[in-house]
Amino acid sequence: MDFKVPDMSCGHCTSAIEKSVKAADPAARVTCDLGTHTVHIDSALSADLLSDAIRSAGYEATAA
């Protein structure tokens, strides 16, 4: 699943997002692309739960 995260702009952002997603699903694979402000997540969780995890890290996310 891909999410647009417009406010993601640095390594700290990507680290916070990855940590939050992995707290919700330790088996998740998270790839962040700062150039396109996109987060790709391979997870068994629903898009809503993953979006909530990104929001809990402090970033707005929409399905891309």
C-alpha atoms as a PDB file:
ATOM      1  CA  MET A   1       0.000   0.000   0.000  1.00  0.00           C
ATOM      2  CA  ASP A   2       1.185   3.496  -0.806  1.00  0.00           C
ATOM      3  CA  PHE A   3       0.488   6.640   1.177  1.00  0.00           C
ATOM      4  CA  LYS A   4       1.168  10.285   0.377  1.00  0.00           C
ATOM      5  CA  VAL A   5       2.718  12.074   3.352  1.00  0.00           C
ATOM      6  CA  PRO A   6       3.200  15.714   2.292  1.00  0.00           C
ATOM      7  CA  ASP A   7       4.967  16.826   5.495  1.00  0.00           C
ATOM      8  CA  MET A   8       7.620  14.055   5.385  1.00  0.00           C
ATOM      9  CA  SER A   9      10.837  15.920   4.611  1.00  0.00           C
ATOM     10  CA  CYS A  10      13.839  14.332   6.351  1.00  0.00           C
ATOM     11  CA  GLY A  11      15.386  11.236   7.859  1.00  0.00           C
ATOM     12  CA  HIS A  12      13.808  11.993  11.235  1.00  0.00           C
ATOM     13  CA  CYS A  13      10.382  11.947   9.582  1.00  0.00           C
ATOM     14  CA  THR A  14      10.975   8.611   7.892  1.00  0.00           C
ATOM     15  CA  SER A  15      12.351   7.120  11.111  1.00  0.00           C
ATOM     16  CA  ALA A  16       9.327   8.244  13.130  1.00  0.00           C
ATOM     17  CA  ILE A  17       6.921   6.848  10.532  1.00  0.00           C
ATOM     18  CA  GLU A  18       8.761   3.529  10.284  1.00  0.00           C
ATOM     19  CA  LYS A  19       8.887   3.170  14.072  1.00  0.00           C
ATOM     20  CA  SER A  20       5.161   3.857  14.415  1.00  0.00           C
ATOM     21  CA  VAL A  21       4.189   1.420  11.640  1.00  0.00           C
ATOM     22  CA  LYS A  22       6.441  -1.302  13.055  1.00  0.00           C
ATOM     23  CA  ALA A  23       4.878  -0.785  16.500  1.00  0.00           C
ATOM     24  CA  ALA A  24       1.519  -1.653  14.923  1.00  0.00           C
ATOM     25  CA  ASP A  25       2.930  -4.495  12.780  1.00  0.00           C
ATOM     26  CA  PRO A  26       6.463  -5.674  13.608  1.00  0.00           C
ATOM     27  CA  ALA A  27       6.563  -7.699  10.361  1.00  0.00           C
ATOM     28  CA  ALA A  28       5.767  -4.694   8.155  1.00  0.00           C
ATOM     29  CA  ARG A  29       8.216  -3.590   5.470  1.00  0.00           C
ATOM     30  CA  VAL A  30       8.338   0.197   5.170  1.00  0.00           C
ATOM     31  CA  THR A  31       9.950   2.149   2.322  1.00  0.00           C
ATOM     32  CA  CYS A  32       9.934   5.952   2.402  1.00  0.00           C
ATOM     33  CA  ASP A  33      10.661   8.133  -0.640  1.00  0.00           C
ATOM     34  CA  LEU A  34      11.409  11.705   0.397  1.00  0.00           C
ATOM     35  CA  GLY A  35      11.462  12.901  -3.217  1.00  0.00           C
ATOM     36  CA  THR A  36       7.841  11.970  -3.825  1.00  0.00           C
ATOM     37  CA  HIS A  37       6.694  12.173  -0.176  1.00  0.00           C
ATOM     38  CA  THR A  38       5.435   8.607  -0.497  1.00  0.00           C
ATOM     39  CA  VAL A  39       5.504   5.737   1.994  1.00  0.00           C
ATOM     40  CA  HIS A  40       5.149   2.177   0.698  1.00  0.00           C
ATOM     41  CA  ILE A  41       4.141  -0.414   3.301  1.00  0.00           C
ATOM     42  CA  ASP A  42       3.913  -4.190   2.925  1.00  0.00           C
ATOM     43  CA  SER A  43       1.731  -5.318   5.812  1.00  0.00           C
ATOM     44  CA  ALA A  44      -1.192  -7.552   6.704  1.00  0.00           C
ATOM     45  CA  LEU A  45      -2.884  -4.576   8.379  1.00  0.00           C
ATOM     46  CA  SER A  46      -5.644  -2.610   6.676  1.00  0.00           C
ATOM     47  CA  ALA A  47      -4.979   0.718   4.994  1.00  0.00           C
ATOM     48  CA  ASP A  48      -6.968   2.454   7.748  1.00  0.00           C
ATOM     49  CA  LEU A  49      -4.791   0.975  10.503  1.00  0.00           C
ATOM     50  CA  LEU A  50      -1.602   1.857   8.637  1.00  0.00           C
ATOM     51  CA  SER A  51      -2.845   5.389   8.037  1.00  0.00           C
ATOM     52  CA  ASP A  52      -3.614   5.670  11.762  1.00  0.00           C
ATOM     53  CA  ALA A  53      -0.068   4.505  12.559  1.00  0.00           C
ATOM     54  CA  ILE A  54       1.391   7.226  10.310  1.00  0.00           C
ATOM     55  CA  ARG A  55      -0.888   9.813  11.932  1.00  0.00           C
ATOM     56  CA  SER A  56       0.198   8.695  15.398  1.00  0.00           C
ATOM     57  CA  ALA A  57       3.768   9.546  14.332  1.00  0.00           C
ATOM     58  CA  GLY A  58       2.522  13.098  13.717  1.00  0.00           C
ATOM     59  CA  TYR A  59       2.001  13.087   9.940  1.00  0.00           C
ATOM     60  CA  GLU A  60      -1.108  13.303   7.786  1.00  0.00           C
ATOM     61  CA  ALA A  61      -1.368  10.463   5.280  1.00  0.00           C
ATOM     62  CA  THR A  62      -3.675   9.733   2.383  1.00  0.00           C
ATOM     63  CA  ALA A  63      -3.848   6.645   0.209  1.00  0.00           C
ATOM     64  CA  ALA A  64      -1.780   7.191  -2.938  1.00  0.00           C
END
